[in-house]
């Protein structure tokens, strides 16, 4: 198959962990590579955010990344990109007229707008099937972030219409299926394929980064409030009260620096000082991806405590390295992390529960090792990118046999 991926703000070439860059970038890059390994030809379309970028870049054999000009050729925060989706749609349509794909797979709601509009601009006989993955839903974001949600107001109306007009919507977990139905997406057009991990890149064997304390906990991701990094910080003094005073917490990732200052990093540092644990909290910033496996293997547990999480790739990478996960029981984490088997679930926004779960793991090495081994087995059984690509390929094949949707015009609402 000839497959077009559309990922308007999340280029597969961008380093994960930077501003507006994370799991979606990893997902698009890894899925594209795995589909190419199955014999498909993949073109990933993304917005040009640097004037120096070449138009086409080879990601690997069978996968090219194409930079389309839509708006200024510099970084624009993703929540400010909606006005450029019409131009992006026109650029997509122009490319597809010349090189028509069999299937288009868009990622994130604005990519869905551009993909559906691009397909609508084509003659009906050239119109490709459009599958869509949301990665995050505005309805869930608004529920948890309230007034701090920076999404454009139009998202509330446009996002459900993307789901309703796509030929298929690929959810990454069971929780998302329920959310999609609530948005009016017909059940028969909802498919499920999880995120994945490379079991060779992330393995139980290999170098282990040295620790600076008897025990090490780790939390990884974009440094933004909703990721709950502060909950992990608050758990450290509570662990002392539970008898574990030689514990270090490594915080990996970067936030949104404004004027050279990162407000969330500064807040975490101030919180550590206030709680008297600044000597135990290490704000590491971004860590090169090739160093992450050694870092994950060095931890007794990885804490994933977001307020909400559509799926989350970090828990998969941790389990692949044989490290158990302390996971907030939200979203896709309830699917990927099996409570008491590959990690421990905790209620969201509960640092005391995080501390109690960590104490249980730190105090019981055989249990910790059993969880790590089971986590690795779970990855090998169904969460490798090869497995995810096979599931996604089957979804594409089913999609090509269905009667197509007639995409309506979405962009008039964004003008």
Protein backbone atom coordinates (compact mmCIF):
# COMPACT_ATOMS: atom_id res chain seq x y z
CA UNK A 1 0.00 0.00 0.00
CA UNK A 2 0.93 3.63 -0.49
CA UNK A 3 0.27 5.31 2.83
CA UNK A 4 0.23 9.02 3.61
CA UNK A 5 0.67 10.01 7.25
CA UNK A 6 -0.36 13.56 8.14
CA UNK A 7 1.12 14.98 11.35
CA UNK A 8 0.86 18.75 11.19
CA UNK A 9 2.85 19.78 14.28
CA UNK A 10 4.59 16.54 15.31
CA UNK A 11 7.37 15.74 12.87
CA UNK A 12 8.94 12.28 13.15
CA UNK A 13 12.30 14.05 12.79
CA UNK A 14 11.86 16.14 15.98
CA UNK A 15 13.48 15.00 19.25
CA UNK A 16 10.79 13.82 21.71
CA UNK A 17 10.49 15.67 25.01
CA UNK A 18 10.82 19.17 23.56
CA UNK A 19 7.99 21.71 23.33
CA UNK A 20 4.97 20.27 21.45
CA UNK A 21 7.03 17.15 20.82
CA UNK A 22 6.49 13.82 22.51
CA UNK A 23 4.57 10.61 22.11
CA UNK A 24 2.91 11.57 18.82
CA UNK A 25 6.28 12.17 17.16
CA UNK A 26 7.53 8.79 18.37
CA UNK A 27 4.29 7.08 17.34
CA UNK A 28 4.28 8.46 13.79
CA UNK A 29 7.98 7.71 13.24
CA UNK A 30 7.90 4.19 14.66
CA UNK A 31 4.62 3.15 13.04
CA UNK A 32 5.85 4.44 9.67
CA UNK A 33 9.09 2.48 9.97
CA UNK A 34 7.25 -0.69 10.98
CA UNK A 35 4.78 -0.37 8.10
CA UNK A 36 7.68 0.10 5.68
CA UNK A 37 9.26 -3.06 7.10
CA UNK A 38 6.05 -4.85 6.08
CA UNK A 39 6.57 -3.73 2.49
CA UNK A 40 4.48 -0.56 2.36
CA UNK A 41 5.57 2.86 1.09
CA UNK A 42 4.97 5.64 3.60
CA UNK A 43 5.11 9.42 3.15
CA UNK A 44 4.79 11.53 6.29
CA UNK A 45 3.52 15.07 5.67
CA UNK A 46 4.27 17.70 8.30
CA UNK A 47 4.34 21.49 8.45
CA UNK A 48 7.60 23.26 7.64
CA UNK A 49 8.74 24.99 10.85
CA UNK A 50 12.21 25.98 9.66
CA UNK A 51 13.04 27.67 6.36
CA UNK A 52 16.24 25.62 6.07
CA UNK A 53 14.44 22.26 6.02
CA UNK A 54 14.60 20.38 2.72
CA UNK A 55 11.27 19.51 1.12
CA UNK A 56 11.81 15.76 1.34
CA UNK A 57 13.91 13.82 3.86
CA UNK A 58 14.38 10.04 3.93
CA UNK A 59 13.60 8.73 7.40
CA UNK A 60 14.51 5.14 6.50
CA UNK A 61 14.09 2.86 3.46
CA UNK A 62 10.44 3.11 2.47
CA UNK A 63 9.65 6.22 4.54
CA UNK A 64 10.03 9.86 3.46
CA UNK A 65 9.15 12.97 5.43
CA UNK A 66 7.76 15.84 3.32
CA UNK A 67 7.71 19.39 4.68
CA UNK A 68 4.79 21.44 3.39
CA UNK A 69 4.66 25.21 3.66
CA UNK A 70 1.58 26.26 5.62
CA UNK A 71 2.03 29.46 7.54
CA UNK A 72 5.35 30.94 8.68
CA UNK A 73 8.45 28.77 8.34
CA UNK A 74 9.24 28.79 12.04
CA UNK A 75 7.86 27.12 15.13
CA UNK A 76 4.28 28.07 15.94
CA UNK A 77 2.64 26.66 19.10
CA UNK A 78 0.28 23.88 18.05
CA UNK A 79 -2.73 25.65 19.57
CA UNK A 80 -2.15 28.54 17.11
CA UNK A 81 -1.95 26.42 13.94
CA UNK A 82 -5.63 26.16 13.06
CA UNK A 83 -5.65 29.16 10.65
CA UNK A 84 -3.07 27.40 8.47
CA UNK A 85 -4.95 24.11 8.02
CA UNK A 86 -6.66 25.34 4.84
CA UNK A 87 -3.32 25.97 3.17
CA UNK A 88 -2.03 22.65 4.45
CA UNK A 89 -5.09 20.92 2.94
CA UNK A 90 -4.40 22.53 -0.43
CA UNK A 91 -0.77 21.43 -0.30
CA UNK A 92 -1.81 17.89 0.56
CA UNK A 93 -4.33 17.79 -2.29
CA UNK A 94 -1.71 19.05 -4.75
CA UNK A 95 0.71 16.32 -3.67
CA UNK A 96 -1.96 13.60 -3.74
CA UNK A 97 -3.06 14.54 -7.26
CA UNK A 98 0.49 13.84 -8.38
CA UNK A 99 1.15 10.83 -6.14
CA UNK A 100 -2.19 9.39 -4.94
CA UNK A 101 -2.07 7.27 -1.77
CA UNK A 102 -4.26 4.27 -1.05
CA UNK A 103 -4.80 5.32 2.56
CA UNK A 104 -4.33 8.56 4.49
CA UNK A 105 -3.73 8.31 8.23
CA UNK A 106 -3.97 11.65 10.04
CA UNK A 107 -2.74 12.27 13.57
CA UNK A 108 -4.23 14.88 15.98
CA UNK A 109 -7.44 16.80 15.32
CA UNK A 110 -5.96 19.57 13.17
CA UNK A 111 -4.22 17.07 10.94
CA UNK A 112 -7.60 15.41 10.58
CA UNK A 113 -9.11 18.69 9.34
CA UNK A 114 -6.31 19.13 6.78
CA UNK A 115 -6.48 15.50 5.63
CA UNK A 116 -10.25 15.43 5.22
CA UNK A 117 -10.30 18.80 3.47
CA UNK A 118 -7.40 17.72 1.23
CA UNK A 119 -9.33 14.57 0.28
CA UNK A 120 -12.48 16.63 -0.38
CA UNK A 121 -10.56 18.83 -2.83
CA UNK A 122 -9.72 15.81 -5.01
CA UNK A 123 -11.92 14.34 -7.75
CA UNK A 124 -14.03 11.54 -6.31
CA UNK A 125 -12.18 8.83 -8.25
CA UNK A 126 -8.88 9.97 -6.65
CA UNK A 127 -10.20 10.41 -3.13
CA UNK A 128 -8.28 8.21 -0.65
CA UNK A 129 -9.67 6.51 2.44
CA UNK A 130 -8.92 8.56 5.58
CA UNK A 131 -8.16 6.95 8.93
CA UNK A 132 -7.60 9.18 11.93
CA UNK A 133 -5.88 8.88 15.33
CA UNK A 134 -6.60 11.69 17.81
CA UNK A 135 -3.75 11.05 20.30
CA UNK A 136 -5.56 13.44 22.68
CA UNK A 137 -9.16 14.60 22.84
CA UNK A 138 -10.16 18.17 23.57
CA UNK A 139 -13.20 17.01 25.54
CA UNK A 140 -10.90 15.16 27.96
CA UNK A 141 -8.41 18.02 28.07
CA UNK A 142 -11.13 20.54 28.96
CA UNK A 143 -12.49 18.24 31.65
CA UNK A 144 -9.14 18.10 33.43
CA UNK A 145 -7.56 21.46 32.63
CA UNK A 146 -10.60 23.72 32.67
CA UNK A 147 -9.70 27.37 32.12
CA UNK A 148 -6.01 26.52 31.64
CA UNK A 149 -6.78 24.67 28.40
CA UNK A 150 -5.15 26.69 25.61
CA UNK A 151 -6.91 24.92 22.74
CA UNK A 152 -8.68 27.21 20.25
CA UNK A 153 -12.40 27.57 20.94
CA UNK A 154 -13.24 26.01 17.56
CA UNK A 155 -11.84 22.66 18.70
CA UNK A 156 -15.03 21.84 20.60
CA UNK A 157 -17.04 21.84 17.35
CA UNK A 158 -14.43 20.74 14.82
CA UNK A 159 -12.90 17.78 16.64
CA UNK A 160 -16.12 15.71 16.84
CA UNK A 161 -16.74 16.40 13.14
CA UNK A 162 -13.31 15.01 12.28
CA UNK A 163 -14.26 11.79 14.07
CA UNK A 164 -17.66 11.69 12.42
CA UNK A 165 -16.33 12.29 8.89
CA UNK A 166 -13.24 10.05 8.92
CA UNK A 167 -13.66 6.65 7.29
CA UNK A 168 -12.17 5.08 10.42
CA UNK A 169 -11.01 6.38 13.78
CA UNK A 170 -8.20 4.39 15.37
CA UNK A 171 -8.37 4.58 19.16
CA UNK A 172 -5.34 3.58 21.21
CA UNK A 173 -7.21 2.20 24.25
CA UNK A 174 -10.63 1.12 25.50
CA UNK A 175 -11.14 4.33 27.45
CA UNK A 176 -10.82 6.35 24.25
CA UNK A 177 -13.47 4.22 22.54
CA UNK A 178 -16.03 5.38 25.11
CA UNK A 179 -14.95 9.01 24.68
CA UNK A 180 -15.29 8.75 20.89
CA UNK A 181 -18.78 7.32 21.12
CA UNK A 182 -19.73 10.23 23.38
CA UNK A 183 -18.54 12.59 20.59
CA UNK A 184 -20.90 10.94 18.12
CA UNK A 185 -18.39 8.75 16.28
CA UNK A 186 -20.28 5.66 15.04
CA UNK A 187 -19.14 2.49 16.80
CA UNK A 188 -18.75 0.58 13.55
CA UNK A 189 -16.09 3.03 12.38
CA UNK A 190 -14.00 2.85 15.58
CA UNK A 191 -10.99 0.54 15.50
CA UNK A 192 -8.37 -0.06 18.21
CA UNK A 193 -4.60 -0.32 17.84
CA UNK A 194 -2.33 0.59 20.77
CA UNK A 195 0.93 2.47 20.82
CA UNK A 196 4.08 0.37 20.73
CA UNK A 197 7.75 0.15 21.61
CA UNK A 198 10.90 -1.15 19.94
CA UNK A 199 11.88 -4.24 22.01
CA UNK A 200 15.43 -4.19 20.64
CA UNK A 201 16.08 -0.52 21.41
CA UNK A 202 14.41 -0.90 24.82
CA UNK A 203 15.56 -4.18 26.34
CA UNK A 204 16.27 -5.70 29.74
CA UNK A 205 19.88 -6.30 28.70
CA UNK A 206 22.47 -3.59 28.25
CA UNK A 207 24.27 -0.83 30.15
CA UNK A 208 22.79 0.52 33.37
CA UNK A 209 23.38 4.12 34.39
CA UNK A 210 25.03 4.37 37.86
CA UNK A 211 22.87 5.59 40.70
CA UNK A 212 23.67 8.19 43.31
CA UNK A 213 21.50 6.59 46.02
CA UNK A 214 20.37 3.17 47.21
CA UNK A 215 17.10 3.51 45.36
CA UNK A 216 16.12 5.42 42.22
CA UNK A 217 12.72 6.51 40.94
CA UNK A 218 12.25 8.04 37.52
CA UNK A 219 9.62 10.18 35.82
CA UNK A 220 9.80 11.09 32.14
CA UNK A 221 7.86 13.40 29.84
CA UNK A 222 7.11 16.96 28.90
CA UNK A 223 7.48 19.17 31.97
CA UNK A 224 3.97 20.58 32.10
CA UNK A 225 1.56 20.59 35.07
CA UNK A 226 -0.79 17.94 33.66
CA UNK A 227 2.02 15.35 33.60
CA UNK A 228 2.03 15.32 37.42
CA UNK A 229 5.79 15.59 37.96
CA UNK A 230 5.09 17.54 41.17
CA UNK A 231 3.24 14.51 42.57
CA UNK A 232 6.42 12.46 42.27
CA UNK A 233 8.37 15.23 44.03
CA UNK A 234 5.80 15.30 46.85
CA UNK A 235 6.12 11.53 47.26
CA UNK A 236 9.82 11.70 48.20
CA UNK A 237 9.41 13.18 51.74
CA UNK A 238 6.48 10.80 52.28
CA UNK A 239 8.80 7.91 51.42
CA UNK A 240 11.16 9.12 54.15
CA UNK A 241 8.31 8.82 56.62
CA UNK A 242 7.79 5.25 55.40
CA UNK A 243 11.41 4.37 56.12
CA UNK A 244 13.04 4.97 52.71
CA UNK A 245 15.31 7.97 53.07
CA UNK A 246 18.01 7.09 50.52
CA UNK A 247 15.92 7.57 47.38
CA UNK A 248 16.69 9.82 44.40
CA UNK A 249 14.14 11.02 41.85
CA UNK A 250 15.32 11.69 38.30
CA UNK A 251 13.02 14.00 36.32
CA UNK A 252 13.59 13.75 32.58
CA UNK A 253 12.21 16.19 30.00
CA UNK A 254 11.82 19.86 29.24
CA UNK A 255 9.00 22.34 29.35
CA UNK A 256 7.92 25.47 27.58
CA UNK A 257 10.60 28.11 28.12
CA UNK A 258 9.39 31.70 27.74
CA UNK A 259 12.02 34.41 27.66
CA UNK A 260 14.65 31.89 28.68
CA UNK A 261 12.68 30.80 31.75
CA UNK A 262 10.81 27.52 32.25
CA UNK A 263 8.07 28.21 34.77
CA UNK A 264 7.23 24.56 35.47
CA UNK A 265 10.85 23.54 35.99
CA UNK A 266 11.27 26.49 38.36
CA UNK A 267 8.10 25.44 40.21
CA UNK A 268 9.40 21.88 40.65
CA UNK A 269 12.76 23.14 41.92
CA UNK A 270 11.06 25.50 44.38
CA UNK A 271 8.77 22.69 45.57
CA UNK A 272 11.74 20.40 46.21
CA UNK A 273 13.40 23.16 48.25
CA UNK A 274 10.20 23.79 50.21
CA UNK A 275 9.84 20.08 51.04
CA UNK A 276 13.49 19.74 52.02
CA UNK A 277 14.33 17.20 49.31
CA UNK A 278 16.23 19.34 46.79
CA UNK A 279 19.30 17.14 47.25
CA UNK A 280 17.22 14.11 46.17
CA UNK A 281 15.54 15.63 43.10
CA UNK A 282 17.55 15.81 39.87
CA UNK A 283 16.06 17.88 37.05
CA UNK A 284 17.94 16.33 34.16
CA UNK A 285 16.34 18.11 31.21
CA UNK A 286 16.17 16.27 27.92
CA UNK A 287 18.15 13.05 27.66
CA UNK A 288 19.24 11.68 24.29
CA UNK A 289 17.03 8.82 23.20
CA UNK A 290 19.93 6.38 22.92
CA UNK A 291 20.66 6.95 26.64
CA UNK A 292 17.10 6.31 27.79
CA UNK A 293 17.26 2.50 28.01
CA UNK A 294 20.26 2.60 30.40
CA UNK A 295 18.44 5.22 32.47
CA UNK A 296 15.22 3.19 32.60
CA UNK A 297 17.14 0.05 33.59
CA UNK A 298 18.76 1.97 36.46
CA UNK A 299 15.44 2.71 38.17
CA UNK A 300 13.58 0.61 40.72
CA UNK A 301 10.35 2.01 39.28
CA UNK A 302 9.10 4.60 36.81
CA UNK A 303 6.36 6.94 38.02
CA UNK A 304 3.73 7.94 35.44
CA UNK A 305 1.25 10.14 37.28
CA UNK A 306 -0.51 12.39 34.74
CA UNK A 307 -3.91 13.93 35.41
CA UNK A 308 -5.05 12.19 32.23
CA UNK A 309 -3.26 10.23 29.51
CA UNK A 310 -4.64 9.09 26.13
CA UNK A 311 -2.08 6.29 26.10
CA UNK A 312 1.51 6.98 27.13
CA UNK A 313 4.61 5.48 25.53
CA UNK A 314 6.93 5.88 28.54
CA UNK A 315 5.25 3.01 30.47
CA UNK A 316 5.83 0.72 27.49
CA UNK A 317 9.49 1.71 27.27
CA UNK A 318 9.86 1.10 31.00
CA UNK A 319 8.23 -2.33 30.87
CA UNK A 320 10.34 -3.26 27.85
CA UNK A 321 13.42 -2.57 30.00
CA UNK A 322 12.07 -4.74 32.82
CA UNK A 323 11.29 -1.81 35.12
CA UNK A 324 7.89 -1.78 36.87
CA UNK A 325 5.58 1.21 36.51
CA UNK A 326 3.67 3.15 39.14
CA UNK A 327 0.81 4.45 37.01
CA UNK A 328 -2.11 6.75 37.67
CA UNK A 329 -5.25 4.77 36.89
CA UNK A 330 -6.31 7.01 34.01
CA UNK A 331 -6.89 6.61 30.27
CA UNK A 332 -4.64 4.24 28.41
CA UNK A 333 -2.45 3.55 31.44
CA UNK A 334 -5.22 1.29 32.73
CA UNK A 335 -4.80 -0.84 29.60
CA UNK A 336 -1.02 -0.97 29.25
CA UNK A 337 -0.03 -1.34 32.92
CA UNK A 338 -1.67 -4.34 34.60
CA UNK A 339 -2.15 -3.62 38.29
CA UNK A 340 -0.20 -6.04 40.46
CA UNK A 341 1.25 -7.80 37.41
CA UNK A 342 3.44 -5.32 35.47
CA UNK A 343 3.17 -2.40 37.88
CA UNK A 344 0.89 -0.74 40.40
CA UNK A 345 -2.07 1.53 39.80
CA UNK A 346 -2.62 4.56 42.02
CA UNK A 347 -5.48 7.08 42.13
CA UNK A 348 -4.80 10.23 40.10
CA UNK A 349 -3.33 13.28 41.87
CA UNK A 350 -2.47 11.31 45.03
CA UNK A 351 1.19 11.65 46.14
CA UNK A 352 0.55 9.57 49.28
CA UNK A 353 -0.60 6.66 47.12
CA UNK A 354 2.49 7.06 44.93
CA UNK A 355 4.71 6.94 48.03
CA UNK A 356 2.94 3.84 49.35
CA UNK A 357 3.26 2.07 45.99
CA UNK A 358 6.94 3.01 45.76
CA UNK A 359 7.56 1.78 49.32
CA UNK A 360 5.94 -1.54 48.45
CA UNK A 361 8.26 -1.95 45.46
CA UNK A 362 11.44 -0.69 47.13
CA UNK A 363 10.88 -3.00 50.09
CA UNK A 364 10.27 -6.17 48.09
CA UNK A 365 12.92 -6.93 45.49
CA UNK A 366 11.46 -10.32 44.40
CA UNK A 367 8.08 -8.66 43.78
CA UNK A 368 9.79 -5.85 41.88
CA UNK A 369 11.66 -8.30 39.69
CA UNK A 370 8.51 -10.32 39.03
CA UNK A 371 6.68 -7.20 37.87
CA UNK A 372 9.60 -6.28 35.63
CA UNK A 373 9.70 -9.72 34.02
CA UNK A 374 5.93 -9.71 33.47
CA UNK A 375 6.16 -6.24 31.94
CA UNK A 376 8.72 -7.40 29.43
CA UNK A 377 6.54 -10.39 28.58
CA UNK A 378 3.52 -8.13 28.04
CA UNK A 379 5.49 -5.98 25.61
CA UNK A 380 6.65 -8.98 23.60
CA UNK A 381 3.10 -10.38 23.51
CA UNK A 382 1.34 -7.37 22.01
CA UNK A 383 3.04 -4.00 22.22
CA UNK A 384 5.93 -4.14 19.78
CA UNK A 385 5.75 -1.75 16.85
CA UNK A 386 5.83 -4.77 14.54
CA UNK A 387 2.64 -6.04 16.19
CA UNK A 388 1.01 -2.60 16.14
CA UNK A 389 1.90 -2.17 12.44
CA UNK A 390 0.31 -5.52 11.64
CA UNK A 391 -2.90 -4.49 13.45
CA UNK A 392 -2.88 -1.13 11.69
CA UNK A 393 -2.33 -2.76 8.30
CA UNK A 394 -5.40 -4.94 8.89
CA UNK A 395 -7.42 -1.82 9.74
CA UNK A 396 -6.29 -0.18 6.48
CA UNK A 397 -7.25 -3.30 4.53
CA UNK A 398 -10.72 -3.37 6.09
CA UNK A 399 -11.04 0.33 5.40
CA UNK A 400 -10.35 -0.14 1.70
CA UNK A 401 -13.24 -2.60 1.41
CA UNK A 402 -15.81 -0.28 3.05
CA UNK A 403 -18.00 2.30 1.39
CA UNK A 404 -16.27 5.66 1.76
CA UNK A 405 -17.60 8.62 3.69
CA UNK A 406 -18.35 11.75 1.71
CA UNK A 407 -16.23 14.34 3.55
CA UNK A 408 -18.03 17.59 4.25
CA UNK A 409 -16.37 20.97 4.50
CA UNK A 410 -14.80 21.51 7.90
CA UNK A 411 -12.79 24.64 7.36
CA UNK A 412 -15.67 27.10 7.06
CA UNK A 413 -15.96 26.87 10.84
CA UNK A 414 -12.31 27.80 11.28
CA UNK A 415 -12.39 30.97 9.18
